[in-house]
């Protein structure tokens, strides 16, 4: 028998919590209690994550791309900028060119989906921590990522400013395409796929948690890998 990983145990705990719970109110009752317990445990286990190493890159046509409410990939509105705000000293509206002028990082990261599949890609972008410094983000506990198509997710600050959490504008040495979240998206080694918001419109540093599209439908909020 194979040894269970931390992800296996957390999934099993989440499945057990669903039994007898009101899934119309995912943050209430036993389900809510298990969610809070998951946050504590996963926060305690949180640690730096290495790159995917020598894994072969997954061919782009084999890297699943999902869209919420769209038959085809949405296209950014004319004059798109990334709004960086919330509890910051210097709010900014950054164009794609502005992002590309900031210190660049490249990471080969293994993507883990809650549905069980994984894929590897090389992502190019700017660290969220760089945006925090640029805008003078205050010492708050949460960061919200929101797309121009209505999708959003809020993160704990430690995960958001992790050195491998980036606002990606490139994939596999090519400009990020619409199928994968152009013009910019969140990508990180430390979160499951549904936390990694595509089609970004804003990044906000906040003193409160704002849930998320799937989190408000019962998915785990912390969702660490």
Protein backbone atom coordinates (compact mmCIF):
# COMPACT_ATOMS: atom_id res chain seq x y z
CA UNK A 1 0.00 0.00 0.00
CA UNK A 2 1.29 3.48 -0.82
CA UNK A 3 2.00 5.93 1.96
CA UNK A 4 -0.62 8.66 2.29
CA UNK A 5 0.56 12.23 1.72
CA UNK A 6 -0.58 15.30 3.58
CA UNK A 7 -2.90 16.11 0.65
CA UNK A 8 -4.49 12.65 0.93
CA UNK A 9 -5.22 13.11 4.64
CA UNK A 10 -6.66 16.59 4.14
CA UNK A 11 -8.92 15.40 1.31
CA UNK A 12 -10.13 12.51 3.44
CA UNK A 13 -10.87 14.85 6.32
CA UNK A 14 -12.78 17.17 3.99
CA UNK A 15 -14.84 14.29 2.59
CA UNK A 16 -15.69 13.09 6.10
CA UNK A 17 -16.79 16.58 7.08
CA UNK A 18 -19.30 16.69 4.22
CA UNK A 19 -21.30 13.83 5.75
CA UNK A 20 -24.34 15.23 7.51
CA UNK A 21 -23.44 18.86 6.74
CA UNK A 22 -25.53 21.55 5.10
CA UNK A 23 -23.60 22.20 1.89
CA UNK A 24 -25.80 25.24 1.19
CA UNK A 25 -24.04 26.86 4.15
CA UNK A 26 -20.46 25.58 3.82
CA UNK A 27 -19.08 27.76 6.61
CA UNK A 28 -21.60 26.67 9.22
CA UNK A 29 -21.85 23.62 11.49
CA UNK A 30 -19.45 20.70 11.25
CA UNK A 31 -18.31 21.67 7.77
CA UNK A 32 -17.34 25.12 8.99
CA UNK A 33 -15.56 23.66 12.01
CA UNK A 34 -13.55 21.32 9.80
CA UNK A 35 -12.66 24.20 7.50
CA UNK A 36 -11.31 26.20 10.44
CA UNK A 37 -9.37 23.15 11.64
CA UNK A 38 -7.91 22.69 8.14
CA UNK A 39 -6.69 26.28 8.13
CA UNK A 40 -4.87 25.86 11.42
CA UNK A 41 -3.25 22.57 10.40
CA UNK A 42 -2.22 23.69 6.92
CA UNK A 43 -0.88 27.02 8.19
CA UNK A 44 1.27 25.10 10.67
CA UNK A 45 2.57 22.81 7.90
CA UNK A 46 3.23 25.66 5.47
CA UNK A 47 6.81 25.71 4.22
CA UNK A 48 8.84 26.83 1.19
CA UNK A 49 8.33 24.68 -1.90
CA UNK A 50 11.02 23.78 -4.43
CA UNK A 51 10.65 24.00 -8.18
CA UNK A 52 9.43 21.03 -10.15
CA UNK A 53 13.03 20.13 -10.97
CA UNK A 54 13.70 17.81 -13.88
CA UNK A 55 10.07 16.95 -14.66
CA UNK A 56 9.31 17.26 -18.36
CA UNK A 57 7.09 20.19 -19.22
CA UNK A 58 3.51 19.20 -19.94
CA UNK A 59 2.66 20.02 -23.59
CA UNK A 60 0.46 23.08 -23.65
CA UNK A 61 -2.31 21.27 -25.54
CA UNK A 62 -2.34 18.68 -22.73
CA UNK A 63 -2.41 21.29 -19.94
CA UNK A 64 -6.11 21.64 -19.05
CA UNK A 65 -7.58 25.12 -19.23
CA UNK A 66 -10.88 25.82 -17.52
CA UNK A 67 -13.22 28.76 -17.88
CA UNK A 68 -16.08 29.78 -15.63
CA UNK A 69 -19.22 30.65 -17.58
CA UNK A 70 -17.44 30.87 -20.94
CA UNK A 71 -17.44 28.57 -23.96
CA UNK A 72 -14.28 30.34 -25.15
CA UNK A 73 -11.53 32.16 -23.31
CA UNK A 74 -12.45 35.72 -22.31
CA UNK A 75 -10.47 38.61 -23.75
CA UNK A 76 -9.19 41.49 -21.62
CA UNK A 77 -11.06 44.78 -21.94
CA UNK A 78 -9.41 47.55 -23.95
CA UNK A 79 -6.92 49.53 -21.89
CA UNK A 80 -6.54 46.69 -19.35
CA UNK A 81 -4.53 47.48 -16.23
CA UNK A 82 -3.93 45.57 -13.02
CA UNK A 83 -5.24 47.56 -10.06
CA UNK A 84 -3.17 47.10 -6.90
CA UNK A 85 -4.88 48.54 -3.85
CA UNK A 86 -6.57 47.93 -0.54
CA UNK A 87 -4.46 48.73 2.50
CA UNK A 88 -1.52 50.22 0.61
CA UNK A 89 0.29 53.55 0.77
CA UNK A 90 0.58 53.95 -3.01
CA UNK A 91 -2.26 52.39 -5.06
CA UNK A 92 -1.24 51.64 -8.63
CA UNK A 93 -2.80 50.78 -11.99
CA UNK A 94 -0.17 48.74 -13.84
CA UNK A 95 -0.23 48.01 -17.55
CA UNK A 96 1.29 44.83 -18.94
CA UNK A 97 4.36 46.84 -19.93
CA UNK A 98 4.61 48.16 -16.37
CA UNK A 99 4.56 44.60 -15.01
CA UNK A 100 7.24 43.54 -17.45
CA UNK A 101 9.51 46.36 -16.29
CA UNK A 102 9.51 45.00 -12.72
CA UNK A 103 12.06 42.38 -11.60
CA UNK A 104 11.32 39.20 -13.54
CA UNK A 105 11.27 35.65 -12.16
CA UNK A 106 10.92 32.30 -13.92
CA UNK A 107 9.70 29.19 -12.11
CA UNK A 108 8.95 25.69 -13.27
CA UNK A 109 5.96 24.81 -11.09
CA UNK A 110 3.86 21.67 -10.80
CA UNK A 111 0.17 22.54 -10.87
CA UNK A 112 -2.10 20.42 -8.65
CA UNK A 113 -5.83 20.37 -9.34
CA UNK A 114 -8.33 19.43 -6.63
CA UNK A 115 -9.76 16.92 -9.14
CA UNK A 116 -6.54 14.90 -8.92
CA UNK A 117 -4.49 15.75 -12.01
CA UNK A 118 -1.14 17.53 -12.11
CA UNK A 119 0.81 19.31 -14.86
CA UNK A 120 4.12 21.16 -15.11
CA UNK A 121 4.78 24.51 -16.81
CA UNK A 122 7.36 27.27 -16.70
CA UNK A 123 5.84 30.57 -15.57
CA UNK A 124 7.32 34.03 -16.06
CA UNK A 125 6.21 37.06 -14.11
CA UNK A 126 6.70 39.28 -11.09
CA UNK A 127 6.45 38.22 -7.46
CA UNK A 128 3.41 39.40 -5.53
CA UNK A 129 5.87 40.45 -2.82
CA UNK A 130 7.39 42.86 -5.38
CA UNK A 131 3.98 44.47 -5.88
CA UNK A 132 3.54 44.68 -2.12
CA UNK A 133 6.82 46.57 -1.81
CA UNK A 134 6.09 48.81 -4.81
CA UNK A 135 2.71 49.87 -3.43
CA UNK A 136 3.66 50.03 0.25
CA UNK A 137 1.29 47.27 1.36
CA UNK A 138 0.56 47.45 5.08
CA UNK A 139 0.87 44.54 7.49
CA UNK A 140 -2.46 42.85 6.81
CA UNK A 141 -3.44 39.18 6.92
CA UNK A 142 -5.12 38.65 3.54
CA UNK A 143 -4.68 39.30 -0.16
CA UNK A 144 -7.56 39.15 -2.63
CA UNK A 145 -7.13 38.33 -6.33
CA UNK A 146 -10.07 39.23 -8.58
CA UNK A 147 -10.58 38.73 -12.33
CA UNK A 148 -12.34 40.90 -14.89
CA UNK A 149 -14.80 38.03 -15.50
CA UNK A 150 -16.08 37.91 -11.90
CA UNK A 151 -13.94 35.10 -10.44
CA UNK A 152 -12.01 35.77 -7.24
CA UNK A 153 -10.14 34.16 -4.37
CA UNK A 154 -8.70 35.48 -1.12
CA UNK A 155 -5.43 34.11 0.27
CA UNK A 156 -3.54 34.21 3.51
CA UNK A 157 -0.76 36.79 3.25
CA UNK A 158 2.08 34.31 3.87
CA UNK A 159 1.07 32.30 0.81
CA UNK A 160 0.51 35.41 -1.32
CA UNK A 161 3.97 36.83 -0.64
CA UNK A 162 5.73 33.47 -0.86
CA UNK A 163 8.72 33.83 -3.23
CA UNK A 164 7.13 31.38 -5.68
CA UNK A 165 3.80 33.24 -5.88
CA UNK A 166 3.84 35.35 -9.01
CA UNK A 167 1.68 37.46 -11.25
CA UNK A 168 2.44 35.50 -14.41
CA UNK A 169 2.40 37.06 -17.88
CA UNK A 170 4.33 34.27 -19.65
CA UNK A 171 4.08 30.49 -19.94
CA UNK A 172 6.76 28.16 -21.34
CA UNK A 173 8.78 31.10 -22.71
CA UNK A 174 5.80 32.48 -24.62
CA UNK A 175 3.39 35.34 -23.82
CA UNK A 176 0.51 34.07 -21.69
CA UNK A 177 -2.38 33.08 -23.95
CA UNK A 178 -6.11 33.64 -23.40
CA UNK A 179 -6.71 29.96 -22.61
CA UNK A 180 -4.42 30.24 -19.59
CA UNK A 181 -5.51 33.61 -18.21
CA UNK A 182 -4.01 36.43 -20.31
CA UNK A 183 -2.98 39.11 -19.89
CA UNK A 184 -1.93 38.13 -16.34
CA UNK A 185 -2.83 35.57 -13.70
CA UNK A 186 -1.75 34.35 -10.28
CA UNK A 187 0.51 31.30 -10.15
CA UNK A 188 2.07 29.65 -7.13
CA UNK A 189 3.71 26.45 -5.97
CA UNK A 190 1.84 26.57 -2.67
CA UNK A 191 -1.86 26.54 -3.66
CA UNK A 192 -4.25 24.21 -5.46
CA UNK A 193 -5.41 25.24 -8.91
CA UNK A 194 -8.74 26.87 -8.05
CA UNK A 195 -6.95 29.48 -5.92
CA UNK A 196 -4.86 30.64 -8.88
CA UNK A 197 -7.03 33.31 -10.43
CA UNK A 198 -6.86 33.91 -14.19
CA UNK A 199 -7.67 37.11 -16.10
CA UNK A 200 -6.56 39.31 -13.24
CA UNK A 201 -8.11 42.73 -12.76
CA UNK A 202 -7.07 43.55 -9.19
CA UNK A 203 -4.85 42.60 -6.28
CA UNK A 204 -5.96 43.96 -2.91
CA UNK A 205 -4.18 43.76 0.46
CA UNK A 206 -6.89 43.47 3.11
CA UNK A 207 -7.46 43.03 6.84
CA UNK A 208 -10.34 40.63 6.24
CA UNK A 209 -10.96 37.45 4.27
CA UNK A 210 -13.34 37.77 1.33
CA UNK A 211 -13.90 34.07 0.52
CA UNK A 212 -13.80 33.10 -3.13
CA UNK A 213 -15.86 31.80 -6.04
CA UNK A 214 -15.42 28.11 -5.14
CA UNK A 215 -14.68 28.68 -1.47
CA UNK A 216 -18.17 30.17 -1.01
CA UNK A 217 -19.53 26.96 -2.57
CA UNK A 218 -17.86 24.71 -0.02
CA UNK A 219 -14.31 24.28 -1.29
CA UNK A 220 -11.51 24.50 1.25
CA UNK A 221 -10.31 28.07 1.79
CA UNK A 222 -6.60 27.54 2.57
CA UNK A 223 -6.10 24.89 -0.17
CA UNK A 224 -2.38 24.40 0.24
CA UNK A 225 -0.47 21.83 -1.81
